[in-house]
Amino acid sequence: MAMRAEKLQPAKVEAIDMLKGMIEGANDFVFTEYRGLTVEQISNLRKQLREKGTELHVVKNNFARIAFEQLGYTTEVEPVLKGPTAVAFVKADSNEVAKVLLDFAKEIPNLKIKAALVDRGFMNAAQVEAFSRLPGRNQLIAMLMSAMNGPAQNLVYVLSAIPTKLVRTLKAIEEKKAAEAAPQA
């Protein structure tokens, strides 16, 4: 692989290095085909993705293949890098990005999801669609915290019930003695 990089022109090596920097700066990647999208549609999609902490870049397939291989990604990306390819470099929640891309693809059918690399695991288009239907990371954390909070709250109620019951019993005894003492006076 090193020999192949040495044969490349300096401008191409620089472009590959820039791609490697973007790959290293991202957690996950979603590969899309953008054929037939207008500049306005791509700009709109980029804006929506930027709000989710993601950058969308049109890449040269050969440069992307070399950059991914040099960074240790296996050949699973090679079949995806055919035809016009734009890569979403995900820096935040991949699930949210997949939802944005699939919602956009429903509105504009020219955008096609090819595949994704999430936590260095390969997902085909069908798996990306299924992944997008799962709750997001923040929602999962909230669900987990809620599930963990329930038993703790129940324990607090049970433990506080004993002293509360004791206080109520003592108050009832006090009122009863006060009532018994009142008629004698």
N, C-alpha and C. Protein backbone atom coordinates (compact mmCIF):
# COMPACT_ATOMS: atom_id res chain seq x y z
N MET A 1 0.82 -1.19 0.00
CA MET A 1 0.00 0.00 0.00
C MET A 1 0.86 1.25 0.00
N ALA A 2 1.99 1.21 0.68
CA ALA A 2 2.86 2.37 0.74
C ALA A 2 3.40 2.71 -0.64
N MET A 3 3.66 1.68 -1.47
CA MET A 3 4.16 1.94 -2.82
C MET A 3 3.11 2.70 -3.63
N ARG A 4 1.87 2.33 -3.48
CA ARG A 4 0.80 2.98 -4.22
C ARG A 4 0.75 4.47 -3.84
N ALA A 5 0.89 4.77 -2.57
CA ALA A 5 0.84 6.16 -2.12
C ALA A 5 2.04 6.94 -2.65
N GLU A 6 3.20 6.29 -2.79
CA GLU A 6 4.39 6.98 -3.28
C GLU A 6 4.24 7.36 -4.74
N LYS A 7 3.47 6.62 -5.52
CA LYS A 7 3.29 6.88 -6.94
C LYS A 7 2.30 8.01 -7.18
N LEU A 8 1.56 8.39 -6.18
CA LEU A 8 0.56 9.43 -6.34
C LEU A 8 1.21 10.80 -6.42
N GLN A 9 0.59 11.68 -7.17
CA GLN A 9 1.07 13.05 -7.27
C GLN A 9 0.88 13.74 -5.92
N PRO A 10 1.72 14.74 -5.63
CA PRO A 10 1.63 15.41 -4.32
C PRO A 10 0.24 15.97 -4.01
N ALA A 11 -0.46 16.50 -5.00
CA ALA A 11 -1.80 17.05 -4.75
C ALA A 11 -2.76 15.94 -4.34
N LYS A 12 -2.60 14.76 -4.93
CA LYS A 12 -3.46 13.64 -4.58
C LYS A 12 -3.13 13.11 -3.19
N VAL A 13 -1.85 13.08 -2.87
CA VAL A 13 -1.44 12.65 -1.52
C VAL A 13 -2.01 13.62 -0.49
N GLU A 14 -1.97 14.90 -0.82
CA GLU A 14 -2.52 15.91 0.09
C GLU A 14 -4.04 15.72 0.27
N ALA A 15 -4.73 15.42 -0.82
CA ALA A 15 -6.18 15.19 -0.74
C ALA A 15 -6.48 13.96 0.11
N ILE A 16 -5.68 12.90 -0.04
CA ILE A 16 -5.87 11.68 0.76
C ILE A 16 -5.59 11.98 2.23
N ASP A 17 -4.54 12.74 2.51
CA ASP A 17 -4.22 13.11 3.89
C ASP A 17 -5.35 13.93 4.52
N MET A 18 -5.95 14.81 3.73
CA MET A 18 -7.07 15.60 4.24
C MET A 18 -8.25 14.68 4.57
N LEU A 19 -8.51 13.72 3.69
CA LEU A 19 -9.58 12.74 3.94
C LEU A 19 -9.27 11.93 5.20
N LYS A 20 -8.01 11.52 5.36
CA LYS A 20 -7.63 10.76 6.55
C LYS A 20 -7.88 11.58 7.81
N GLY A 21 -7.60 12.87 7.75
CA GLY A 21 -7.87 13.74 8.89
C GLY A 21 -9.35 13.79 9.23
N MET A 22 -10.19 13.85 8.20
CA MET A 22 -11.64 13.86 8.44
C MET A 22 -12.10 12.52 9.00
N ILE A 23 -11.51 11.43 8.52
CA ILE A 23 -11.88 10.10 9.02
C ILE A 23 -11.48 9.96 10.48
N GLU A 24 -10.26 10.41 10.81
CA GLU A 24 -9.78 10.31 12.19
C GLU A 24 -10.61 11.19 13.13
N GLY A 25 -11.18 12.28 12.62
CA GLY A 25 -11.97 13.19 13.44
C GLY A 25 -13.41 12.75 13.65
N ALA A 26 -13.80 11.67 12.98
CA ALA A 26 -15.18 11.21 13.08
C ALA A 26 -15.26 9.88 13.82
N ASN A 27 -16.42 9.63 14.41
CA ASN A 27 -16.65 8.36 15.09
C ASN A 27 -17.18 7.30 14.13
N ASP A 28 -18.13 7.72 13.30
CA ASP A 28 -18.82 6.79 12.41
C ASP A 28 -18.98 7.45 11.04
N PHE A 29 -19.41 6.63 10.06
CA PHE A 29 -19.51 7.11 8.68
C PHE A 29 -20.76 6.53 8.03
N VAL A 30 -21.46 7.37 7.27
CA VAL A 30 -22.60 6.89 6.49
C VAL A 30 -22.30 7.24 5.03
N PHE A 31 -22.34 6.22 4.17
CA PHE A 31 -22.04 6.39 2.75
C PHE A 31 -23.35 6.53 1.99
N THR A 32 -23.43 7.57 1.15
CA THR A 32 -24.65 7.83 0.40
C THR A 32 -24.33 8.03 -1.07
N GLU A 33 -25.35 7.84 -1.90
CA GLU A 33 -25.24 8.19 -3.32
C GLU A 33 -26.10 9.42 -3.52
N TYR A 34 -25.52 10.45 -4.09
CA TYR A 34 -26.20 11.73 -4.22
C TYR A 34 -26.61 12.05 -5.65
N ARG A 35 -26.49 11.11 -6.57
CA ARG A 35 -26.78 11.35 -7.98
C ARG A 35 -28.21 11.91 -8.13
N GLY A 36 -28.32 13.03 -8.85
CA GLY A 36 -29.63 13.62 -9.10
C GLY A 36 -30.04 14.69 -8.11
N LEU A 37 -29.26 14.91 -7.06
CA LEU A 37 -29.59 15.97 -6.11
C LEU A 37 -29.11 17.31 -6.65
N THR A 38 -29.88 18.34 -6.40
CA THR A 38 -29.46 19.68 -6.79
C THR A 38 -28.51 20.24 -5.74
N VAL A 39 -27.82 21.30 -6.10
CA VAL A 39 -26.91 21.95 -5.15
C VAL A 39 -27.70 22.44 -3.94
N GLU A 40 -28.89 22.95 -4.18
CA GLU A 40 -29.72 23.45 -3.08
C GLU A 40 -30.11 22.31 -2.13
N GLN A 41 -30.44 21.15 -2.69
CA GLN A 41 -30.81 20.01 -1.85
C GLN A 41 -29.62 19.52 -1.03
N ILE A 42 -28.45 19.45 -1.65
CA ILE A 42 -27.25 19.02 -0.92
C ILE A 42 -26.93 20.02 0.18
N SER A 43 -27.06 21.31 -0.13
CA SER A 43 -26.80 22.34 0.89
C SER A 43 -27.76 22.22 2.06
N ASN A 44 -29.03 21.96 1.75
CA ASN A 44 -30.04 21.79 2.80
C ASN A 44 -29.71 20.57 3.66
N LEU A 45 -29.32 19.47 3.02
CA LEU A 45 -28.95 18.26 3.75
C LEU A 45 -27.74 18.52 4.63
N ARG A 46 -26.74 19.20 4.09
CA ARG A 46 -25.54 19.52 4.88
C ARG A 46 -25.91 20.34 6.11
N LYS A 47 -26.83 21.29 5.94
CA LYS A 47 -27.25 22.13 7.07
C LYS A 47 -27.91 21.28 8.15
N GLN A 48 -28.81 20.38 7.73
CA GLN A 48 -29.49 19.50 8.70
C GLN A 48 -28.48 18.62 9.43
N LEU A 49 -27.49 18.11 8.70
CA LEU A 49 -26.49 17.24 9.32
C LEU A 49 -25.56 18.01 10.24
N ARG A 50 -25.22 19.24 9.87
CA ARG A 50 -24.36 20.06 10.72
C ARG A 50 -24.99 20.27 12.09
N GLU A 51 -26.33 20.40 12.11
CA GLU A 51 -27.05 20.56 13.38
C GLU A 51 -26.90 19.32 14.26
N LYS A 52 -26.59 18.19 13.66
CA LYS A 52 -26.41 16.93 14.40
C LYS A 52 -24.93 16.61 14.61
N GLY A 53 -24.04 17.57 14.37
CA GLY A 53 -22.62 17.35 14.58
C GLY A 53 -21.97 16.48 13.52
N THR A 54 -22.43 16.63 12.29
CA THR A 54 -21.95 15.78 11.20
C THR A 54 -21.63 16.63 9.98
N GLU A 55 -20.60 16.22 9.25
CA GLU A 55 -20.25 16.89 8.01
C GLU A 55 -20.47 15.93 6.85
N LEU A 56 -21.04 16.44 5.76
CA LEU A 56 -21.25 15.63 4.55
C LEU A 56 -20.30 16.14 3.48
N HIS A 57 -19.48 15.23 2.94
CA HIS A 57 -18.52 15.59 1.90
C HIS A 57 -18.62 14.63 0.74
N VAL A 58 -18.61 15.21 -0.46
CA VAL A 58 -18.50 14.40 -1.67
C VAL A 58 -17.04 13.97 -1.76
N VAL A 59 -16.81 12.68 -1.99
CA VAL A 59 -15.44 12.17 -2.01
C VAL A 59 -15.15 11.47 -3.33
N LYS A 60 -13.88 11.48 -3.70
CA LYS A 60 -13.43 10.66 -4.82
C LYS A 60 -13.29 9.25 -4.28
N ASN A 61 -13.92 8.30 -4.94
CA ASN A 61 -13.95 6.93 -4.43
C ASN A 61 -12.56 6.35 -4.23
N ASN A 62 -11.66 6.56 -5.17
CA ASN A 62 -10.32 5.99 -5.06
C ASN A 62 -9.57 6.58 -3.87
N PHE A 63 -9.68 7.89 -3.69
CA PHE A 63 -9.02 8.54 -2.56
C PHE A 63 -9.60 8.03 -1.24
N ALA A 64 -10.92 7.92 -1.19
CA ALA A 64 -11.58 7.44 0.03
C ALA A 64 -11.15 6.01 0.33
N ARG A 65 -11.10 5.17 -0.70
CA ARG A 65 -10.68 3.78 -0.49
C ARG A 65 -9.27 3.73 0.10
N ILE A 66 -8.36 4.50 -0.47
CA ILE A 66 -6.97 4.51 0.01
C ILE A 66 -6.93 5.02 1.45
N ALA A 67 -7.64 6.12 1.74
CA ALA A 67 -7.62 6.71 3.09
C ALA A 67 -8.18 5.74 4.12
N PHE A 68 -9.30 5.10 3.82
CA PHE A 68 -9.90 4.15 4.77
C PHE A 68 -8.97 2.95 4.98
N GLU A 69 -8.37 2.45 3.90
CA GLU A 69 -7.46 1.31 4.04
C GLU A 69 -6.23 1.67 4.86
N GLN A 70 -5.67 2.86 4.62
CA GLN A 70 -4.48 3.27 5.37
C GLN A 70 -4.77 3.44 6.86
N LEU A 71 -6.01 3.69 7.19
CA LEU A 71 -6.39 3.86 8.60
C LEU A 71 -6.90 2.57 9.23
N GLY A 72 -6.75 1.46 8.51
CA GLY A 72 -7.06 0.16 9.09
C GLY A 72 -8.48 -0.32 8.90
N TYR A 73 -9.26 0.38 8.10
CA TYR A 73 -10.61 -0.12 7.81
C TYR A 73 -10.47 -1.19 6.74
N THR A 74 -11.14 -2.27 6.95
CA THR A 74 -10.98 -3.41 6.06
C THR A 74 -11.61 -3.13 4.70
N THR A 75 -11.57 -4.11 3.86
CA THR A 75 -12.06 -3.95 2.49
C THR A 75 -13.58 -3.85 2.41
N GLU A 76 -14.27 -3.85 3.54
CA GLU A 76 -15.73 -3.76 3.50
C GLU A 76 -16.22 -2.45 2.92
N VAL A 77 -15.40 -1.39 2.94
CA VAL A 77 -15.83 -0.13 2.36
C VAL A 77 -15.65 -0.11 0.85
N GLU A 78 -14.79 -0.94 0.33
CA GLU A 78 -14.48 -0.91 -1.10
C GLU A 78 -15.72 -1.09 -1.99
N PRO A 79 -16.58 -2.09 -1.74
CA PRO A 79 -17.75 -2.24 -2.62
C PRO A 79 -18.72 -1.05 -2.56
N VAL A 80 -18.70 -0.32 -1.47
CA VAL A 80 -19.60 0.83 -1.29
C VAL A 80 -19.12 2.02 -2.11
N LEU A 81 -17.83 2.08 -2.36
CA LEU A 81 -17.24 3.23 -3.04
C LEU A 81 -17.31 3.08 -4.55
N LYS A 82 -18.52 3.04 -5.06
CA LYS A 82 -18.77 2.99 -6.50
C LYS A 82 -19.86 4.00 -6.81
N GLY A 83 -19.72 4.68 -7.92
CA GLY A 83 -20.69 5.71 -8.28
C GLY A 83 -20.46 6.96 -7.45
N PRO A 84 -21.29 7.98 -7.67
CA PRO A 84 -21.12 9.23 -6.91
C PRO A 84 -21.34 8.98 -5.41
N THR A 85 -20.34 9.29 -4.62
CA THR A 85 -20.41 8.99 -3.19
C THR A 85 -20.20 10.25 -2.36
N ALA A 86 -21.07 10.40 -1.38
CA ALA A 86 -20.90 11.44 -0.36
C ALA A 86 -20.85 10.70 0.98
N VAL A 87 -19.92 11.11 1.82
CA VAL A 87 -19.76 10.45 3.12
C VAL A 87 -20.16 11.43 4.22
N ALA A 88 -21.00 10.95 5.12
CA ALA A 88 -21.36 11.73 6.31
C ALA A 88 -20.37 11.32 7.40
N PHE A 89 -19.54 12.27 7.81
CA PHE A 89 -18.55 12.03 8.87
C PHE A 89 -19.21 12.40 10.19
N VAL A 90 -19.62 11.38 10.94
CA VAL A 90 -20.44 11.54 12.14
C VAL A 90 -19.54 11.73 13.36
N LYS A 91 -19.75 12.84 14.06
CA LYS A 91 -18.97 13.11 15.27
C LYS A 91 -19.83 12.96 16.52
N ALA A 92 -21.13 12.82 16.35
CA ALA A 92 -22.04 12.73 17.49
C ALA A 92 -22.80 11.41 17.44
N ASP A 93 -24.10 11.46 17.57
CA ASP A 93 -24.96 10.28 17.63
C ASP A 93 -25.28 9.77 16.22
N SER A 94 -24.76 8.61 15.86
CA SER A 94 -24.97 8.03 14.53
C SER A 94 -26.44 7.76 14.26
N ASN A 95 -27.16 7.39 15.29
CA ASN A 95 -28.57 7.07 15.14
C ASN A 95 -29.35 8.29 14.65
N GLU A 96 -29.08 9.44 15.24
CA GLU A 96 -29.77 10.67 14.85
C GLU A 96 -29.43 11.04 13.40
N VAL A 97 -28.18 10.84 13.02
CA VAL A 97 -27.74 11.14 11.65
C VAL A 97 -28.44 10.21 10.67
N ALA A 98 -28.53 8.94 11.01
CA ALA A 98 -29.22 7.98 10.14
C ALA A 98 -30.68 8.38 9.96
N LYS A 99 -31.31 8.85 11.03
CA LYS A 99 -32.70 9.31 10.93
C LYS A 99 -32.82 10.49 9.98
N VAL A 100 -31.91 11.46 10.12
CA VAL A 100 -31.95 12.64 9.25
C VAL A 100 -31.78 12.22 7.79
N LEU A 101 -30.81 11.36 7.52
CA LEU A 101 -30.56 10.92 6.15
C LEU A 101 -31.74 10.15 5.57
N LEU A 102 -32.32 9.26 6.35
CA LEU A 102 -33.45 8.48 5.85
C LEU A 102 -34.70 9.35 5.66
N ASP A 103 -34.93 10.30 6.56
CA ASP A 103 -36.05 11.22 6.38
C ASP A 103 -35.86 12.05 5.11
N PHE A 104 -34.63 12.50 4.89
CA PHE A 104 -34.33 13.29 3.70
C PHE A 104 -34.51 12.43 2.45
N ALA A 105 -34.09 11.17 2.51
CA ALA A 105 -34.22 10.26 1.37
C ALA A 105 -35.69 9.97 1.06
N LYS A 106 -36.54 10.00 2.08
CA LYS A 106 -37.98 9.81 1.83
C LYS A 106 -38.56 11.00 1.08
N GLU A 107 -38.10 12.21 1.44
CA GLU A 107 -38.55 13.42 0.75
C GLU A 107 -37.95 13.52 -0.65
N ILE A 108 -36.67 13.22 -0.76
CA ILE A 108 -35.93 13.33 -2.01
C ILE A 108 -35.37 11.95 -2.35
N PRO A 109 -36.09 11.17 -3.14
CA PRO A 109 -35.68 9.77 -3.39
C PRO A 109 -34.34 9.61 -4.11
N ASN A 110 -33.80 10.71 -4.66
CA ASN A 110 -32.50 10.60 -5.34
C ASN A 110 -31.36 10.29 -4.37
N LEU A 111 -31.54 10.65 -3.10
CA LEU A 111 -30.52 10.32 -2.10
C LEU A 111 -30.70 8.87 -1.69
N LYS A 112 -29.64 8.11 -1.83
CA LYS A 112 -29.70 6.69 -1.47
C LYS A 112 -28.64 6.40 -0.41
N ILE A 113 -29.05 5.70 0.62
CA ILE A 113 -28.10 5.26 1.65
C ILE A 113 -27.44 3.99 1.12
N LYS A 114 -26.11 4.00 1.07
CA LYS A 114 -25.38 2.81 0.59
C LYS A 114 -25.05 1.88 1.75
N ALA A 115 -24.44 2.45 2.79
CA ALA A 115 -23.99 1.64 3.93
C ALA A 115 -23.51 2.59 5.02
N ALA A 116 -23.04 2.00 6.12
CA ALA A 116 -22.49 2.79 7.22
C ALA A 116 -21.43 1.98 7.94
N LEU A 117 -20.53 2.69 8.56
CA LEU A 117 -19.57 2.10 9.50
C LEU A 117 -19.88 2.73 10.86
N VAL A 118 -20.41 1.93 11.77
CA VAL A 118 -20.75 2.41 13.11
C VAL A 118 -19.96 1.57 14.11
N ASP A 119 -19.19 2.25 14.94
CA ASP A 119 -18.30 1.56 15.89
C ASP A 119 -17.44 0.52 15.17
N ARG A 120 -16.94 0.91 14.01
CA ARG A 120 -16.06 0.10 13.15
C ARG A 120 -16.76 -1.16 12.63
N GLY A 121 -18.07 -1.24 12.78
CA GLY A 121 -18.84 -2.36 12.25
C GLY A 121 -19.60 -1.93 11.00
N PHE A 122 -19.62 -2.78 9.99
CA PHE A 122 -20.26 -2.47 8.72
C PHE A 122 -21.76 -2.72 8.78
N MET A 123 -22.55 -1.81 8.22
CA MET A 123 -24.00 -1.98 8.11
C MET A 123 -24.39 -1.71 6.66
N ASN A 124 -25.21 -2.60 6.09
CA ASN A 124 -25.72 -2.32 4.75
C ASN A 124 -26.91 -1.36 4.87
N ALA A 125 -27.50 -1.00 3.73
CA ALA A 125 -28.57 0.00 3.73
C ALA A 125 -29.76 -0.43 4.58
N ALA A 126 -30.14 -1.71 4.50
CA ALA A 126 -31.29 -2.19 5.29
C ALA A 126 -30.99 -2.12 6.78
N GLN A 127 -29.76 -2.43 7.16
CA GLN A 127 -29.38 -2.37 8.57
C GLN A 127 -29.35 -0.92 9.06
N VAL A 128 -28.92 0.00 8.19
CA VAL A 128 -28.92 1.42 8.57
C VAL A 128 -30.35 1.88 8.82
N GLU A 129 -31.27 1.44 7.97
CA GLU A 129 -32.68 1.82 8.15
C GLU A 129 -33.22 1.27 9.47
N ALA A 130 -32.91 0.02 9.78
CA ALA A 130 -33.36 -0.58 11.05
C ALA A 130 -32.72 0.15 12.23
N PHE A 131 -31.44 0.48 12.11
CA PHE A 131 -30.70 1.20 13.15
C PHE A 131 -31.34 2.56 13.43
N SER A 132 -31.82 3.22 12.37
CA SER A 132 -32.41 4.55 12.54
C SER A 132 -33.71 4.51 13.34
N ARG A 133 -34.36 3.35 13.36
CA ARG A 133 -35.63 3.23 14.10
C ARG A 133 -35.41 3.01 15.59
N LEU A 134 -34.19 2.70 15.99
CA LEU A 134 -33.89 2.51 17.41
C LEU A 134 -33.88 3.86 18.12
N PRO A 135 -34.10 3.86 19.42
CA PRO A 135 -33.99 5.13 20.15
C PRO A 135 -32.54 5.63 20.09
N GLY A 136 -32.39 6.94 20.12
CA GLY A 136 -31.07 7.55 20.10
C GLY A 136 -30.32 7.33 21.40
N ARG A 137 -29.05 7.66 21.40
CA ARG A 137 -28.19 7.46 22.58
C ARG A 137 -28.75 8.19 23.79
N ASN A 138 -29.10 9.46 23.61
CA ASN A 138 -29.62 10.24 24.75
C ASN A 138 -30.94 9.68 25.26
N GLN A 139 -31.78 9.23 24.34
CA GLN A 139 -33.06 8.64 24.75
C GLN A 139 -32.83 7.33 25.50
N LEU A 140 -31.87 6.53 25.05
CA LEU A 140 -31.56 5.28 25.75
C LEU A 140 -31.03 5.55 27.15
N ILE A 141 -30.18 6.57 27.27
CA ILE A 141 -29.65 6.93 28.59
C ILE A 141 -30.80 7.37 29.51
N ALA A 142 -31.72 8.17 28.97
CA ALA A 142 -32.87 8.62 29.77
C ALA A 142 -33.72 7.44 30.21
N MET A 143 -33.93 6.48 29.29
CA MET A 143 -34.72 5.29 29.64
C MET A 143 -34.01 4.47 30.72
N LEU A 144 -32.70 4.34 30.60
CA LEU A 144 -31.93 3.59 31.60
C LEU A 144 -31.98 4.28 32.95
N MET A 145 -31.80 5.59 32.96
CA MET A 145 -31.85 6.34 34.22
C MET A 145 -33.23 6.22 34.86
N SER A 146 -34.27 6.27 34.05
CA SER A 146 -35.63 6.13 34.57
C SER A 146 -35.83 4.75 35.18
N ALA A 147 -35.32 3.74 34.49
CA ALA A 147 -35.45 2.36 35.00
C ALA A 147 -34.67 2.19 36.30
N MET A 148 -33.51 2.84 36.39
CA MET A 148 -32.70 2.74 37.60
C MET A 148 -33.29 3.58 38.73
N ASN A 149 -33.96 4.66 38.40
CA ASN A 149 -34.52 5.56 39.39
C ASN A 149 -35.74 4.97 40.08
N GLY A 150 -36.54 4.19 39.36
CA GLY A 150 -37.77 3.61 39.91
C GLY A 150 -37.54 2.81 41.18
N PRO A 151 -36.68 1.80 41.18
CA PRO A 151 -36.44 1.02 42.40
C PRO A 151 -35.88 1.87 43.55
N ALA A 152 -35.04 2.83 43.23
CA ALA A 152 -34.48 3.69 44.27
C ALA A 152 -35.58 4.52 44.93
N GLN A 153 -36.49 5.05 44.11
CA GLN A 153 -37.60 5.82 44.67
C GLN A 153 -38.50 4.94 45.54
N ASN A 154 -38.76 3.74 45.08
CA ASN A 154 -39.58 2.82 45.87
C ASN A 154 -38.93 2.52 47.21
N LEU A 155 -37.62 2.33 47.22
CA LEU A 155 -36.89 2.08 48.46
C LEU A 155 -37.02 3.28 49.40
N VAL A 156 -36.90 4.47 48.87
CA VAL A 156 -37.04 5.68 49.69
C VAL A 156 -38.44 5.74 50.29
N TYR A 157 -39.47 5.45 49.49
CA TYR A 157 -40.84 5.46 50.01
C TYR A 157 -41.02 4.43 51.12
N VAL A 158 -40.50 3.23 50.93
CA VAL A 158 -40.64 2.17 51.94
C VAL A 158 -39.91 2.56 53.22
N LEU A 159 -38.69 3.06 53.08
CA LEU A 159 -37.91 3.43 54.26
C LEU A 159 -38.51 4.64 54.98
N SER A 160 -39.09 5.56 54.24
CA SER A 160 -39.68 6.73 54.89
C SER A 160 -41.05 6.41 55.47
N ALA A 161 -41.67 5.34 55.03
CA ALA A 161 -43.00 4.97 55.53
C ALA A 161 -42.94 4.55 57.00
N ILE A 162 -41.87 3.89 57.41
CA ILE A 162 -41.75 3.42 58.80
C ILE A 162 -41.71 4.59 59.78
N PRO A 163 -40.81 5.56 59.60
CA PRO A 163 -40.83 6.70 60.54
C PRO A 163 -42.13 7.50 60.45
N THR A 164 -42.68 7.61 59.25
CA THR A 164 -43.95 8.35 59.10
C THR A 164 -45.06 7.65 59.87
N LYS A 165 -45.11 6.33 59.78
CA LYS A 165 -46.12 5.56 60.50
C LYS A 165 -45.93 5.72 62.01
N LEU A 166 -44.67 5.70 62.47
CA LEU A 166 -44.37 5.88 63.89
C LEU A 166 -44.83 7.25 64.36
N VAL A 167 -44.54 8.28 63.58
CA VAL A 167 -44.94 9.64 63.96
C VAL A 167 -46.46 9.74 64.03
N ARG A 168 -47.15 9.16 63.06
CA ARG A 168 -48.62 9.20 63.06
C ARG A 168 -49.19 8.43 64.26
N THR A 169 -48.59 7.30 64.60
CA THR A 169 -49.05 6.51 65.76
C THR A 169 -48.85 7.31 67.04
N LEU A 170 -47.67 7.92 67.21
CA LEU A 170 -47.41 8.73 68.40
C LEU A 170 -48.38 9.92 68.47
N LYS A 171 -48.67 10.52 67.34
CA LYS A 171 -49.60 11.65 67.30
C LYS A 171 -51.00 11.19 67.71
N ALA A 172 -51.41 10.01 67.24
CA ALA A 172 -52.73 9.46 67.60
C ALA A 172 -52.80 9.17 69.09
N ILE A 173 -51.73 8.61 69.66
CA ILE A 173 -51.69 8.32 71.10
C ILE A 173 -51.77 9.62 71.89
N GLU A 174 -51.03 10.63 71.44
CA GLU A 174 -51.04 11.92 72.12
C GLU A 174 -52.45 12.52 72.09
N GLU A 175 -53.11 12.46 70.94
CA GLU A 175 -54.47 13.01 70.83
C GLU A 175 -55.45 12.23 71.70
N LYS A 176 -55.25 10.90 71.76
CA LYS A 176 -56.14 10.07 72.57
C LYS A 176 -55.98 10.41 74.05
N LYS A 177 -54.72 10.57 74.51
CA LYS A 177 -54.48 10.91 75.91
C LYS A 177 -54.99 12.31 76.22
N ALA A 178 -54.86 13.20 75.26
CA ALA A 178 -55.37 14.57 75.47
C ALA A 178 -56.89 14.54 75.58
N ALA A 179 -57.53 13.70 74.80
CA ALA A 179 -59.00 13.59 74.84
C ALA A 179 -59.45 12.96 76.15
N GLU A 180 -58.72 11.98 76.67
CA GLU A 180 -59.07 11.33 77.94
C GLU A 180 -58.86 12.30 79.10
N ALA A 181 -57.83 13.10 79.01
CA ALA A 181 -57.52 14.04 80.10
C ALA A 181 -58.48 15.22 80.09
N ALA A 182 -59.02 15.60 79.00
CA ALA A 182 -59.90 16.76 78.87
C ALA A 182 -61.21 16.58 79.64
N PRO A 183 -61.94 15.46 79.60
CA PRO A 183 -63.20 15.35 80.34
C PRO A 183 -62.98 15.38 81.86
N GLN A 184 -61.86 14.96 82.37
CA GLN A 184 -61.62 14.93 83.80
C GLN A 184 -61.42 16.34 84.35
N ALA A 185 -60.96 17.24 83.56
CA ALA A 185 -60.68 18.57 84.08
C ALA A 185 -61.86 19.44 84.20
